[in-house]
Amino acid sequence: MGKTGYYIKNRTPSEPYVPWHKLETITETLLQFCIEHGYPENSNKIKSMKNCLKAIKEKDIPNIIINFKKIPLSKEWFNEWYPNVTYKHESENYVQSIFDALISNWVENINHVENT
């Protein structure tokens, strides 16, 4: 059950669960991390992520899925990116671990939308 109790109290059995609050937060966090750590802001992947975030805020499921699918996630694609070390307290392993966790969490939460 989420913090709001939505999953149990307000959900009908035929209504799929979409973690909107988590989806918006993790998308914003992933987007900020990528930009701060050197992913080109004018890239198609970042543009698609921004469009995905806009669709998430509007709860526009078709556009969430369309924009998510524009970001290839497989061997040697977006999820294989190596972020730059940006801050003094960071190491290469640290930023890579953070990115891997963010992308994994994002994909997991988007899958709730895709499976609706």
PDB file of N, CA and C in Angstrom:
ATOM      1  N   MET A   1       0.839  -1.167   0.000  1.00  0.00           N
ATOM      2  CA  MET A   1       0.000   0.000   0.000  1.00  0.00           C
ATOM      3  C   MET A   1       0.888   1.235   0.000  1.00  0.00           C
ATOM      4  N   GLY A   2       0.501   2.245  -0.772  1.00  0.00           N
ATOM      5  CA  GLY A   2       1.239   3.485  -0.821  1.00  0.00           C
ATOM      6  C   GLY A   2       0.949   4.358   0.383  1.00  0.00           C
ATOM      7  N   LYS A   3       1.627   5.480   0.467  1.00  0.00           N
ATOM      8  CA  LYS A   3       1.433   6.408   1.571  1.00  0.00           C
ATOM      9  C   LYS A   3      -0.003   6.904   1.645  1.00  0.00           C
ATOM     10  N   THR A   4      -0.637   7.019   0.500  1.00  0.00           N
ATOM     11  CA  THR A   4      -1.995   7.554   0.459  1.00  0.00           C
ATOM     12  C   THR A   4      -3.042   6.501   0.742  1.00  0.00           C
ATOM     13  N   GLY A   5      -2.676   5.233   0.724  1.00  0.00           N
ATOM     14  CA  GLY A   5      -3.648   4.164   0.910  1.00  0.00           C
ATOM     15  C   GLY A   5      -4.444   3.896  -0.343  1.00  0.00           C
ATOM     16  N   TYR A   6      -4.086   4.547  -1.443  1.00  0.00           N
ATOM     17  CA  TYR A   6      -4.849   4.431  -2.689  1.00  0.00           C
ATOM     18  C   TYR A   6      -4.995   2.989  -3.148  1.00  0.00           C
ATOM     19  N   TYR A   7      -3.932   2.252  -3.083  1.00  0.00           N
ATOM     20  CA  TYR A   7      -3.924   0.911  -3.661  1.00  0.00           C
ATOM     21  C   TYR A   7      -5.036   0.039  -3.103  1.00  0.00           C
ATOM     22  N   ILE A   8      -5.280   0.107  -1.835  1.00  0.00           N
ATOM     23  CA  ILE A   8      -6.287  -0.752  -1.216  1.00  0.00           C
ATOM     24  C   ILE A   8      -7.656  -0.069  -1.159  1.00  0.00           C
ATOM     25  N   LYS A   9      -7.711   1.132  -0.624  1.00  0.00           N
ATOM     26  CA  LYS A   9      -8.983   1.776  -0.321  1.00  0.00           C
ATOM     27  C   LYS A   9      -9.754   2.242  -1.548  1.00  0.00           C
ATOM     28  N   ASN A  10      -9.085   2.854  -2.509  1.00  0.00           N
ATOM     29  CA  ASN A  10      -9.782   3.525  -3.598  1.00  0.00           C
ATOM     30  C   ASN A  10      -9.698   2.796  -4.927  1.00  0.00           C
ATOM     31  N   ARG A  11      -9.143   1.652  -4.955  1.00  0.00           N
ATOM     32  CA  ARG A  11      -8.925   0.932  -6.203  1.00  0.00           C
ATOM     33  C   ARG A  11     -10.026  -0.098  -6.411  1.00  0.00           C
ATOM     34  N   THR A  12     -10.598  -0.091  -7.605  1.00  0.00           N
ATOM     35  CA  THR A  12     -11.549  -1.134  -7.945  1.00  0.00           C
ATOM     36  C   THR A  12     -10.762  -2.304  -8.516  1.00  0.00           C
ATOM     37  N   PRO A  13     -11.246  -3.527  -8.391  1.00  0.00           N
ATOM     38  CA  PRO A  13     -10.482  -4.693  -8.854  1.00  0.00           C
ATOM     39  C   PRO A  13     -10.091  -4.633 -10.336  1.00  0.00           C
ATOM     40  N   SER A  14     -10.881  -3.978 -11.178  1.00  0.00           N
ATOM     41  CA  SER A  14     -10.559  -3.932 -12.605  1.00  0.00           C
ATOM     42  C   SER A  14      -9.655  -2.761 -12.972  1.00  0.00           C
ATOM     43  N   GLU A  15      -9.380  -1.887 -12.036  1.00  0.00           N
ATOM     44  CA  GLU A  15      -8.572  -0.709 -12.304  1.00  0.00           C
ATOM     45  C   GLU A  15      -7.107  -1.000 -12.002  1.00  0.00           C
ATOM     46  N   PRO A  16      -6.229  -0.881 -13.006  1.00  0.00           N
ATOM     47  CA  PRO A  16      -4.809  -1.158 -12.757  1.00  0.00           C
ATOM     48  C   PRO A  16      -4.186  -0.075 -11.880  1.00  0.00           C
ATOM     49  N   TYR A  17      -3.207  -0.473 -11.110  1.00  0.00           N
ATOM     50  CA  TYR A  17      -2.498   0.457 -10.236  1.00  0.00           C
ATOM     51  C   TYR A  17      -1.390   1.150 -11.011  1.00  0.00           C
ATOM     52  N   VAL A  18      -1.407   2.469 -11.007  1.00  0.00           N
ATOM     53  CA  VAL A  18      -0.331   3.259 -11.600  1.00  0.00           C
ATOM     54  C   VAL A  18       0.224   4.156 -10.493  1.00  0.00           C
ATOM     55  N   PRO A  19       1.490   4.003 -10.158  1.00  0.00           N
ATOM     56  CA  PRO A  19       2.089   4.796  -9.073  1.00  0.00           C
ATOM     57  C   PRO A  19       2.443   6.203  -9.552  1.00  0.00           C
ATOM     58  N   TRP A  20       1.419   7.046  -9.787  1.00  0.00           N
ATOM     59  CA  TRP A  20       1.643   8.366 -10.381  1.00  0.00           C
ATOM     60  C   TRP A  20       2.644   9.194  -9.591  1.00  0.00           C
ATOM     61  N   HIS A  21       2.530   9.217  -8.259  1.00  0.00           N
ATOM     62  CA  HIS A  21       3.417  10.052  -7.451  1.00  0.00           C
ATOM     63  C   HIS A  21       4.868   9.600  -7.587  1.00  0.00           C
ATOM     64  N   LYS A  22       5.108   8.294  -7.630  1.00  0.00           N
ATOM     65  CA  LYS A  22       6.473   7.789  -7.803  1.00  0.00           C
ATOM     66  C   LYS A  22       6.970   8.025  -9.219  1.00  0.00           C
ATOM     67  N   LEU A  23       6.096   7.837 -10.181  1.00  0.00           N
ATOM     68  CA  LEU A  23       6.477   7.956 -11.587  1.00  0.00           C
ATOM     69  C   LEU A  23       6.932   9.375 -11.919  1.00  0.00           C
ATOM     70  N   GLU A  24       6.214  10.351 -11.425  1.00  0.00           N
ATOM     71  CA  GLU A  24       6.585  11.737 -11.680  1.00  0.00           C
ATOM     72  C   GLU A  24       7.917  12.076 -11.006  1.00  0.00           C
ATOM     73  N   THR A  25       8.064  11.677  -9.754  1.00  0.00           N
ATOM     74  CA  THR A  25       9.285  11.979  -9.003  1.00  0.00           C
ATOM     75  C   THR A  25      10.507  11.302  -9.605  1.00  0.00           C
ATOM     76  N   ILE A  26      10.396  10.029  -9.926  1.00  0.00           N
ATOM     77  CA  ILE A  26      11.559   9.315 -10.456  1.00  0.00           C
ATOM     78  C   ILE A  26      11.930   9.842 -11.846  1.00  0.00           C
ATOM     79  N   THR A  27      10.947  10.236 -12.637  1.00  0.00           N
ATOM     80  CA  THR A  27      11.241  10.786 -13.967  1.00  0.00           C
ATOM     81  C   THR A  27      11.960  12.120 -13.837  1.00  0.00           C
ATOM     82  N   GLU A  28      11.487  12.981 -12.939  1.00  0.00           N
ATOM     83  CA  GLU A  28      12.151  14.271 -12.703  1.00  0.00           C
ATOM     84  C   GLU A  28      13.582  14.065 -12.203  1.00  0.00           C
ATOM     85  N   THR A  29      13.766  13.117 -11.302  1.00  0.00           N
ATOM     86  CA  THR A  29      15.083  12.846 -10.729  1.00  0.00           C
ATOM     87  C   THR A  29      16.042  12.302 -11.790  1.00  0.00           C
ATOM     88  N   LEU A  30      15.577  11.352 -12.583  1.00  0.00           N
ATOM     89  CA  LEU A  30      16.404  10.787 -13.652  1.00  0.00           C
ATOM     90  C   LEU A  30      16.785  11.857 -14.664  1.00  0.00           C
ATOM     91  N   LEU A  31      15.845  12.676 -15.041  1.00  0.00           N
ATOM     92  CA  LEU A  31      16.100  13.752 -15.990  1.00  0.00           C
ATOM     93  C   LEU A  31      17.141  14.729 -15.447  1.00  0.00           C
ATOM     94  N   GLN A  32      16.984  15.154 -14.212  1.00  0.00           N
ATOM     95  CA  GLN A  32      17.937  16.073 -13.592  1.00  0.00           C
ATOM     96  C   GLN A  32      19.325  15.438 -13.497  1.00  0.00           C
ATOM     97  N   PHE A  33      19.381  14.182 -13.068  1.00  0.00           N
ATOM     98  CA  PHE A  33      20.669  13.492 -12.948  1.00  0.00           C
ATOM     99  C   PHE A  33      21.377  13.444 -14.296  1.00  0.00           C
ATOM    100  N   CYS A  34      20.646  13.064 -15.345  1.00  0.00           N
ATOM    101  CA  CYS A  34      21.259  12.957 -16.673  1.00  0.00           C
ATOM    102  C   CYS A  34      21.827  14.290 -17.142  1.00  0.00           C
ATOM    103  N   ILE A  35      21.061  15.352 -16.969  1.00  0.00           N
ATOM    104  CA  ILE A  35      21.512  16.673 -17.415  1.00  0.00           C
ATOM    105  C   ILE A  35      22.715  17.133 -16.589  1.00  0.00           C
ATOM    106  N   GLU A  36      22.644  16.957 -15.267  1.00  0.00           N
ATOM    107  CA  GLU A  36      23.759  17.377 -14.407  1.00  0.00           C
ATOM    108  C   GLU A  36      25.031  16.573 -14.647  1.00  0.00           C
ATOM    109  N   HIS A  37      24.893  15.359 -15.147  1.00  0.00           N
ATOM    110  CA  HIS A  37      26.053  14.483 -15.311  1.00  0.00           C
ATOM    111  C   HIS A  37      26.462  14.296 -16.771  1.00  0.00           C
ATOM    112  N   GLY A  38      26.068  15.248 -17.610  1.00  0.00           N
ATOM    113  CA  GLY A  38      26.655  15.339 -18.932  1.00  0.00           C
ATOM    114  C   GLY A  38      25.902  14.748 -20.104  1.00  0.00           C
ATOM    115  N   TYR A  39      24.673  14.269 -19.899  1.00  0.00           N
ATOM    116  CA  TYR A  39      23.947  13.783 -21.070  1.00  0.00           C
ATOM    117  C   TYR A  39      23.509  15.004 -21.866  1.00  0.00           C
ATOM    118  N   PRO A  40      23.709  15.010 -23.184  1.00  0.00           N
ATOM    119  CA  PRO A  40      23.380  16.190 -23.986  1.00  0.00           C
ATOM    120  C   PRO A  40      21.893  16.565 -23.871  1.00  0.00           C
ATOM    121  N   GLU A  41      21.645  17.763 -23.381  1.00  0.00           N
ATOM    122  CA  GLU A  41      20.272  18.195 -23.136  1.00  0.00           C
ATOM    123  C   GLU A  41      19.452  18.316 -24.414  1.00  0.00           C
ATOM    124  N   ASN A  42      20.111  18.510 -25.539  1.00  0.00           N
ATOM    125  CA  ASN A  42      19.388  18.631 -26.803  1.00  0.00           C
ATOM    126  C   ASN A  42      19.214  17.281 -27.509  1.00  0.00           C
ATOM    127  N   SER A  43      19.548  16.190 -26.837  1.00  0.00           N
ATOM    128  CA  SER A  43      19.427  14.863 -27.448  1.00  0.00           C
ATOM    129  C   SER A  43      17.949  14.454 -27.540  1.00  0.00           C
ATOM    130  N   ASN A  44      17.661  13.582 -28.478  1.00  0.00           N
ATOM    131  CA  ASN A  44      16.295  13.085 -28.635  1.00  0.00           C
ATOM    132  C   ASN A  44      15.822  12.315 -27.410  1.00  0.00           C
ATOM    133  N   LYS A  45      16.738  11.632 -26.741  1.00  0.00           N
ATOM    134  CA  LYS A  45      16.356  10.853 -25.557  1.00  0.00           C
ATOM    135  C   LYS A  45      15.909  11.770 -24.419  1.00  0.00           C
ATOM    136  N   ILE A  46      16.621  12.867 -24.199  1.00  0.00           N
ATOM    137  CA  ILE A  46      16.238  13.821 -23.154  1.00  0.00           C
ATOM    138  C   ILE A  46      14.933  14.513 -23.541  1.00  0.00           C
ATOM    139  N   LYS A  47      14.784  14.855 -24.802  1.00  0.00           N
ATOM    140  CA  LYS A  47      13.521  15.463 -25.255  1.00  0.00           C
ATOM    141  C   LYS A  47      12.353  14.493 -25.030  1.00  0.00           C
ATOM    142  N   SER A  48      12.566  13.227 -25.333  1.00  0.00           N
ATOM    143  CA  SER A  48      11.513  12.228 -25.122  1.00  0.00           C
ATOM    144  C   SER A  48      11.202  12.069 -23.633  1.00  0.00           C
ATOM    145  N   MET A  49      12.245  12.120 -22.795  1.00  0.00           N
ATOM    146  CA  MET A  49      12.025  12.006 -21.361  1.00  0.00           C
ATOM    147  C   MET A  49      11.237  13.211 -20.837  1.00  0.00           C
ATOM    148  N   LYS A  50      11.546  14.404 -21.344  1.00  0.00           N
ATOM    149  CA  LYS A  50      10.793  15.604 -20.950  1.00  0.00           C
ATOM    150  C   LYS A  50       9.338  15.489 -21.399  1.00  0.00           C
ATOM    151  N   ASN A  51       9.126  14.988 -22.605  1.00  0.00           N
ATOM    152  CA  ASN A  51       7.755  14.796 -23.099  1.00  0.00           C
ATOM    153  C   ASN A  51       7.028  13.731 -22.290  1.00  0.00           C
ATOM    154  N   CYS A  52       7.753  12.709 -21.887  1.00  0.00           N
ATOM    155  CA  CYS A  52       7.191  11.657 -21.046  1.00  0.00           C
ATOM    156  C   CYS A  52       6.773  12.247 -19.704  1.00  0.00           C
ATOM    157  N   LEU A  53       7.611  13.088 -19.124  1.00  0.00           N
ATOM    158  CA  LEU A  53       7.296  13.734 -17.855  1.00  0.00           C
ATOM    159  C   LEU A  53       6.045  14.599 -17.980  1.00  0.00           C
ATOM    160  N   LYS A  54       5.960  15.334 -19.070  1.00  0.00           N
ATOM    161  CA  LYS A  54       4.770  16.173 -19.313  1.00  0.00           C
ATOM    162  C   LYS A  54       3.524  15.287 -19.379  1.00  0.00           C
ATOM    163  N   ALA A  55       3.624  14.167 -20.075  1.00  0.00           N
ATOM    164  CA  ALA A  55       2.490  13.245 -20.194  1.00  0.00           C
ATOM    165  C   ALA A  55       2.146  12.621 -18.844  1.00  0.00           C
ATOM    166  N   ILE A  56       3.155  12.340 -18.029  1.00  0.00           N
ATOM    167  CA  ILE A  56       2.917  11.790 -16.693  1.00  0.00           C
ATOM    168  C   ILE A  56       2.131  12.797 -15.856  1.00  0.00           C
ATOM    169  N   LYS A  57       2.536  14.056 -15.903  1.00  0.00           N
ATOM    170  CA  LYS A  57       1.846  15.095 -15.134  1.00  0.00           C
ATOM    171  C   LYS A  57       0.391  15.236 -15.578  1.00  0.00           C
ATOM    172  N   GLU A  58       0.136  14.967 -16.854  1.00  0.00           N
ATOM    173  CA  GLU A  58      -1.220  15.051 -17.395  1.00  0.00           C
ATOM    174  C   GLU A  58      -1.963  13.716 -17.317  1.00  0.00           C
ATOM    175  N   LYS A  59      -1.275  12.677 -16.833  1.00  0.00           N
ATOM    176  CA  LYS A  59      -1.826  11.316 -16.757  1.00  0.00           C
ATOM    177  C   LYS A  59      -2.329  10.850 -18.126  1.00  0.00           C
ATOM    178  N   ASP A  60      -1.521  11.168 -19.127  1.00  0.00           N
ATOM    179  CA  ASP A  60      -1.813  10.848 -20.528  1.00  0.00           C
ATOM    180  C   ASP A  60      -1.079   9.559 -20.893  1.00  0.00           C
ATOM    181  N   ILE A  61      -1.710   8.437 -20.617  1.00  0.00           N
ATOM    182  CA  ILE A  61      -1.061   7.126 -20.771  1.00  0.00           C
ATOM    183  C   ILE A  61      -0.538   6.876 -22.191  1.00  0.00           C
ATOM    184  N   PRO A  62      -1.309   7.136 -23.250  1.00  0.00           N
ATOM    185  CA  PRO A  62      -0.756   6.876 -24.593  1.00  0.00           C
ATOM    186  C   PRO A  62       0.539   7.638 -24.872  1.00  0.00           C
ATOM    187  N   ASN A  63       0.612   8.908 -24.454  1.00  0.00           N
ATOM    188  CA  ASN A  63       1.825   9.689 -24.706  1.00  0.00           C
ATOM    189  C   ASN A  63       2.978   9.300 -23.781  1.00  0.00           C
ATOM    190  N   ILE A  64       2.672   8.801 -22.601  1.00  0.00           N
ATOM    191  CA  ILE A  64       3.738   8.280 -21.737  1.00  0.00           C
ATOM    192  C   ILE A  64       4.417   7.123 -22.455  1.00  0.00           C
ATOM    193  N   ILE A  65       3.622   6.211 -22.947  1.00  0.00           N
ATOM    194  CA  ILE A  65       4.160   5.016 -23.607  1.00  0.00           C
ATOM    195  C   ILE A  65       4.884   5.367 -24.893  1.00  0.00           C
ATOM    196  N   ILE A  66       4.304   6.238 -25.701  1.00  0.00           N
ATOM    197  CA  ILE A  66       4.933   6.649 -26.965  1.00  0.00           C
ATOM    198  C   ILE A  66       6.320   7.244 -26.704  1.00  0.00           C
ATOM    199  N   ASN A  67       6.411   8.166 -25.742  1.00  0.00           N
ATOM    200  CA  ASN A  67       7.689   8.827 -25.466  1.00  0.00           C
ATOM    201  C   ASN A  67       8.679   7.900 -24.781  1.00  0.00           C
ATOM    202  N   PHE A  68       8.196   7.020 -23.921  1.00  0.00           N
ATOM    203  CA  PHE A  68       9.075   6.049 -23.283  1.00  0.00           C
ATOM    204  C   PHE A  68       9.708   5.135 -24.329  1.00  0.00           C
ATOM    205  N   LYS A  69       8.931   4.703 -25.299  1.00  0.00           N
ATOM    206  CA  LYS A  69       9.445   3.788 -26.326  1.00  0.00           C
ATOM    207  C   LYS A  69      10.418   4.463 -27.288  1.00  0.00           C
ATOM    208  N   LYS A  70      10.492   5.775 -27.271  1.00  0.00           N
ATOM    209  CA  LYS A  70      11.465   6.503 -28.090  1.00  0.00           C
ATOM    210  C   LYS A  70      12.866   6.486 -27.456  1.00  0.00           C
ATOM    211  N   ILE A  71      12.950   5.973 -26.231  1.00  0.00           N
ATOM    212  CA  ILE A  71      14.222   5.906 -25.514  1.00  0.00           C
ATOM    213  C   ILE A  71      14.661   4.450 -25.500  1.00  0.00           C
ATOM    214  N   PRO A  72      15.554   4.063 -26.401  1.00  0.00           N
ATOM    215  CA  PRO A  72      15.946   2.652 -26.481  1.00  0.00           C
ATOM    216  C   PRO A  72      16.696   2.190 -25.234  1.00  0.00           C
ATOM    217  N   LEU A  73      16.241   1.076 -24.700  1.00  0.00           N
ATOM    218  CA  LEU A  73      16.840   0.511 -23.491  1.00  0.00           C
ATOM    219  C   LEU A  73      17.263  -0.918 -23.784  1.00  0.00           C
ATOM    220  N   SER A  74      18.477  -1.064 -24.194  1.00  0.00           N
ATOM    221  CA  SER A  74      19.041  -2.391 -24.433  1.00  0.00           C
ATOM    222  C   SER A  74      20.555  -2.248 -24.468  1.00  0.00           C
ATOM    223  N   LYS A  75      21.215  -3.302 -24.836  1.00  0.00           N
ATOM    224  CA  LYS A  75      22.676  -3.277 -24.861  1.00  0.00           C
ATOM    225  C   LYS A  75      23.177  -2.119 -25.736  1.00  0.00           C
ATOM    226  N   GLU A  76      24.084  -1.354 -25.156  1.00  0.00           N
ATOM    227  CA  GLU A  76      24.736  -0.220 -25.819  1.00  0.00           C
ATOM    228  C   GLU A  76      23.775   0.909 -26.192  1.00  0.00           C
ATOM    229  N   TRP A  77      22.712   1.095 -25.430  1.00  0.00           N
ATOM    230  CA  TRP A  77      21.795   2.204 -25.659  1.00  0.00           C
ATOM    231  C   TRP A  77      21.764   3.103 -24.444  1.00  0.00           C
ATOM    232  N   PHE A  78      20.642   3.747 -24.188  1.00  0.00           N
ATOM    233  CA  PHE A  78      20.559   4.755 -23.129  1.00  0.00           C
ATOM    234  C   PHE A  78      20.964   4.207 -21.763  1.00  0.00           C
ATOM    235  N   ASN A  79      20.493   3.034 -21.414  1.00  0.00           N
ATOM    236  CA  ASN A  79      20.794   2.484 -20.094  1.00  0.00           C
ATOM    237  C   ASN A  79      22.249   2.051 -19.952  1.00  0.00           C
ATOM    238  N   GLU A  80      23.008   2.075 -21.014  1.00  0.00           N
ATOM    239  CA  GLU A  80      24.439   1.731 -20.976  1.00  0.00           C
ATOM    240  C   GLU A  80      25.322   2.986 -20.960  1.00  0.00           C
ATOM    241  N   TRP A  81      24.718   4.148 -20.749  1.00  0.00           N
ATOM    242  CA  TRP A  81      25.441   5.410 -20.707  1.00  0.00           C
ATOM    243  C   TRP A  81      26.315   5.475 -19.460  1.00  0.00           C
ATOM    244  N   TYR A  82      27.483   6.103 -19.575  1.00  0.00           N
ATOM    245  CA  TYR A  82      28.385   6.294 -18.445  1.00  0.00           C
ATOM    246  C   TYR A  82      28.370   7.768 -18.046  1.00  0.00           C
ATOM    247  N   PRO A  83      27.706   8.094 -16.935  1.00  0.00           N
ATOM    248  CA  PRO A  83      27.617   9.493 -16.503  1.00  0.00           C
ATOM    249  C   PRO A  83      28.978  10.054 -16.107  1.00  0.00           C
ATOM    250  N   ASN A  84      29.120  11.358 -16.303  1.00  0.00           N
ATOM    251  CA  ASN A  84      30.337  12.053 -15.874  1.00  0.00           C
ATOM    252  C   ASN A  84      30.309  12.265 -14.364  1.00  0.00           C
ATOM    253  N   VAL A  85      31.477  12.230 -13.752  1.00  0.00           N
ATOM    254  CA  VAL A  85      31.606  12.622 -12.347  1.00  0.00           C
ATOM    255  C   VAL A  85      31.529  14.145 -12.337  1.00  0.00           C
ATOM    256  N   THR A  86      30.581  14.686 -11.573  1.00  0.00           N
ATOM    257  CA  THR A  86      30.330  16.122 -11.594  1.00  0.00           C
ATOM    258  C   THR A  86      30.734  16.813 -10.300  1.00  0.00           C
ATOM    259  N   TYR A  87      30.522  16.156  -9.185  1.00  0.00           N
ATOM    260  CA  TYR A  87      30.765  16.765  -7.882  1.00  0.00           C
ATOM    261  C   TYR A  87      31.939  16.089  -7.173  1.00  0.00           C
ATOM    262  N   LYS A  88      32.578  16.817  -6.255  1.00  0.00           N
ATOM    263  CA  LYS A  88      33.768  16.315  -5.565  1.00  0.00           C
ATOM    264  C   LYS A  88      33.536  15.009  -4.819  1.00  0.00           C
ATOM    265  N   HIS A  89      32.387  14.826  -4.245  1.00  0.00           N
ATOM    266  CA  HIS A  89      32.126  13.634  -3.437  1.00  0.00           C
ATOM    267  C   HIS A  89      31.828  12.395  -4.284  1.00  0.00           C
ATOM    268  N   GLU A  90      31.763  12.527  -5.597  1.00  0.00           N
ATOM    269  CA  GLU A  90      31.392  11.419  -6.473  1.00  0.00           C
ATOM    270  C   GLU A  90      32.602  10.672  -7.006  1.00  0.00           C
ATOM    271  N   SER A  91      32.381   9.413  -7.342  1.00  0.00           N
ATOM    272  CA  SER A  91      33.365   8.605  -8.061  1.00  0.00           C
ATOM    273  C   SER A  91      32.654   8.027  -9.275  1.00  0.00           C
ATOM    274  N   GLU A  92      33.407   7.423 -10.181  1.00  0.00           N
ATOM    275  CA  GLU A  92      32.795   6.804 -11.361  1.00  0.00           C
ATOM    276  C   GLU A  92      31.818   5.710 -10.962  1.00  0.00           C
ATOM    277  N   ASN A  93      32.214   4.877 -10.004  1.00  0.00           N
ATOM    278  CA  ASN A  93      31.324   3.805  -9.549  1.00  0.00           C
ATOM    279  C   ASN A  93      30.058   4.359  -8.911  1.00  0.00           C
ATOM    280  N   TYR A  94      30.198   5.433  -8.155  1.00  0.00           N
ATOM    281  CA  TYR A  94      29.060   6.048  -7.477  1.00  0.00           C
ATOM    282  C   TYR A  94      28.035   6.554  -8.492  1.00  0.00           C
ATOM    283  N   VAL A  95      28.474   7.357  -9.457  1.00  0.00           N
ATOM    284  CA  VAL A  95      27.509   7.916 -10.421  1.00  0.00           C
ATOM    285  C   VAL A  95      26.906   6.823 -11.295  1.00  0.00           C
ATOM    286  N   GLN A  96      27.687   5.799 -11.620  1.00  0.00           N
ATOM    287  CA  GLN A  96      27.136   4.704 -12.416  1.00  0.00           C
ATOM    288  C   GLN A  96      26.080   3.935 -11.626  1.00  0.00           C
ATOM    289  N   SER A  97      26.340   3.706 -10.350  1.00  0.00           N
ATOM    290  CA  SER A  97      25.376   3.003  -9.504  1.00  0.00           C
ATOM    291  C   SER A  97      24.088   3.807  -9.347  1.00  0.00           C
ATOM    292  N   ILE A  98      24.221   5.109  -9.168  1.00  0.00           N
ATOM    293  CA  ILE A  98      23.036   5.971  -9.047  1.00  0.00           C
ATOM    294  C   ILE A  98      22.227   5.929 -10.340  1.00  0.00           C
ATOM    295  N   PHE A  99      22.902   6.067 -11.472  1.00  0.00           N
ATOM    296  CA  PHE A  99      22.203   6.028 -12.761  1.00  0.00           C
ATOM    297  C   PHE A  99      21.509   4.684 -12.962  1.00  0.00           C
ATOM    298  N   ASP A 100      22.209   3.595 -12.692  1.00  0.00           N
ATOM    299  CA  ASP A 100      21.615   2.263 -12.856  1.00  0.00           C
ATOM    300  C   ASP A 100      20.366   2.104 -11.989  1.00  0.00           C
ATOM    301  N   ALA A 101      20.423   2.587 -10.745  1.00  0.00           N
ATOM    302  CA  ALA A 101      19.269   2.489  -9.849  1.00  0.00           C
ATOM    303  C   ALA A 101      18.115   3.350 -10.350  1.00  0.00           C
ATOM    304  N   LEU A 102      18.422   4.552 -10.804  1.00  0.00           N
ATOM    305  CA  LEU A 102      17.372   5.444 -11.309  1.00  0.00           C
ATOM    306  C   LEU A 102      16.696   4.857 -12.544  1.00  0.00           C
ATOM    307  N   ILE A 103      17.485   4.380 -13.491  1.00  0.00           N
ATOM    308  CA  ILE A 103      16.907   3.857 -14.733  1.00  0.00           C
ATOM    309  C   ILE A 103      16.088   2.600 -14.449  1.00  0.00           C
ATOM    310  N   SER A 104      16.572   1.763 -13.551  1.00  0.00           N
ATOM    311  CA  SER A 104      15.850   0.548 -13.201  1.00  0.00           C
ATOM    312  C   SER A 104      14.509   0.875 -12.540  1.00  0.00           C
ATOM    313  N   ASN A 105      14.524   1.804 -11.608  1.00  0.00           N
ATOM    314  CA  ASN A 105      13.303   2.225 -10.921  1.00  0.00           C
ATOM    315  C   ASN A 105      12.324   2.871 -11.894  1.00  0.00           C
ATOM    316  N   TRP A 106      12.842   3.682 -12.798  1.00  0.00           N
ATOM    317  CA  TRP A 106      11.996   4.356 -13.783  1.00  0.00           C
ATOM    318  C   TRP A 106      11.304   3.335 -14.678  1.00  0.00           C
ATOM    319  N   VAL A 107      12.069   2.398 -15.209  1.00  0.00           N
ATOM    320  CA  VAL A 107      11.502   1.372 -16.094  1.00  0.00           C
ATOM    321  C   VAL A 107      10.450   0.544 -15.354  1.00  0.00           C
ATOM    322  N   GLU A 108      10.753   0.170 -14.123  1.00  0.00           N
ATOM    323  CA  GLU A 108       9.798  -0.617 -13.328  1.00  0.00           C
ATOM    324  C   GLU A 108       8.478   0.130 -13.160  1.00  0.00           C
ATOM    325  N   ASN A 109       8.553   1.423 -12.880  1.00  0.00           N
ATOM    326  CA  ASN A 109       7.328   2.213 -12.688  1.00  0.00           C
ATOM    327  C   ASN A 109       6.601   2.486 -13.994  1.00  0.00           C
ATOM    328  N   ILE A 110       7.336   2.695 -15.072  1.00  0.00           N
ATOM    329  CA  ILE A 110       6.700   2.867 -16.390  1.00  0.00           C
ATOM    330  C   ILE A 110       5.975   1.586 -16.796  1.00  0.00           C
ATOM    331  N   ASN A 111       6.525   0.454 -16.423  1.00  0.00           N
ATOM    332  CA  ASN A 111       5.876  -0.815 -16.779  1.00  0.00           C
ATOM    333  C   ASN A 111       4.482  -0.942 -16.185  1.00  0.00           C
ATOM    334  N   HIS A 112       4.215  -0.290 -15.055  1.00  0.00           N
ATOM    335  CA  HIS A 112       2.862  -0.279 -14.498  1.00  0.00           C
ATOM    336  C   HIS A 112       1.911   0.425 -15.459  1.00  0.00           C
ATOM    337  N   VAL A 113       2.407   1.467 -16.138  1.00  0.00           N
ATOM    338  CA  VAL A 113       1.588   2.198 -17.104  1.00  0.00           C
ATOM    339  C   VAL A 113       1.397   1.369 -18.361  1.00  0.00           C
ATOM    340  N   GLU A 114       2.478   0.776 -18.855  1.00  0.00           N
ATOM    341  CA  GLU A 114       2.414  -0.029 -20.076  1.00  0.00           C
ATOM    342  C   GLU A 114       1.471  -1.210 -19.945  1.00  0.00           C
ATOM    343  N   ASN A 115       1.349  -1.753 -18.747  1.00  0.00           N
ATOM    344  CA  ASN A 115       0.524  -2.919 -18.534  1.00  0.00           C
ATOM    345  C   ASN A 115      -0.917  -2.589 -18.158  1.00  0.00           C
ATOM    346  N   THR A 116      -1.307  -1.316 -18.337  1.00  0.00           N
ATOM    347  CA  THR A 116      -2.695  -0.945 -18.040  1.00  0.00           C
ATOM    348  C   THR A 116      -3.592  -1.212 -19.211  1.00  0.00           C
TER     349      THR A 116
END
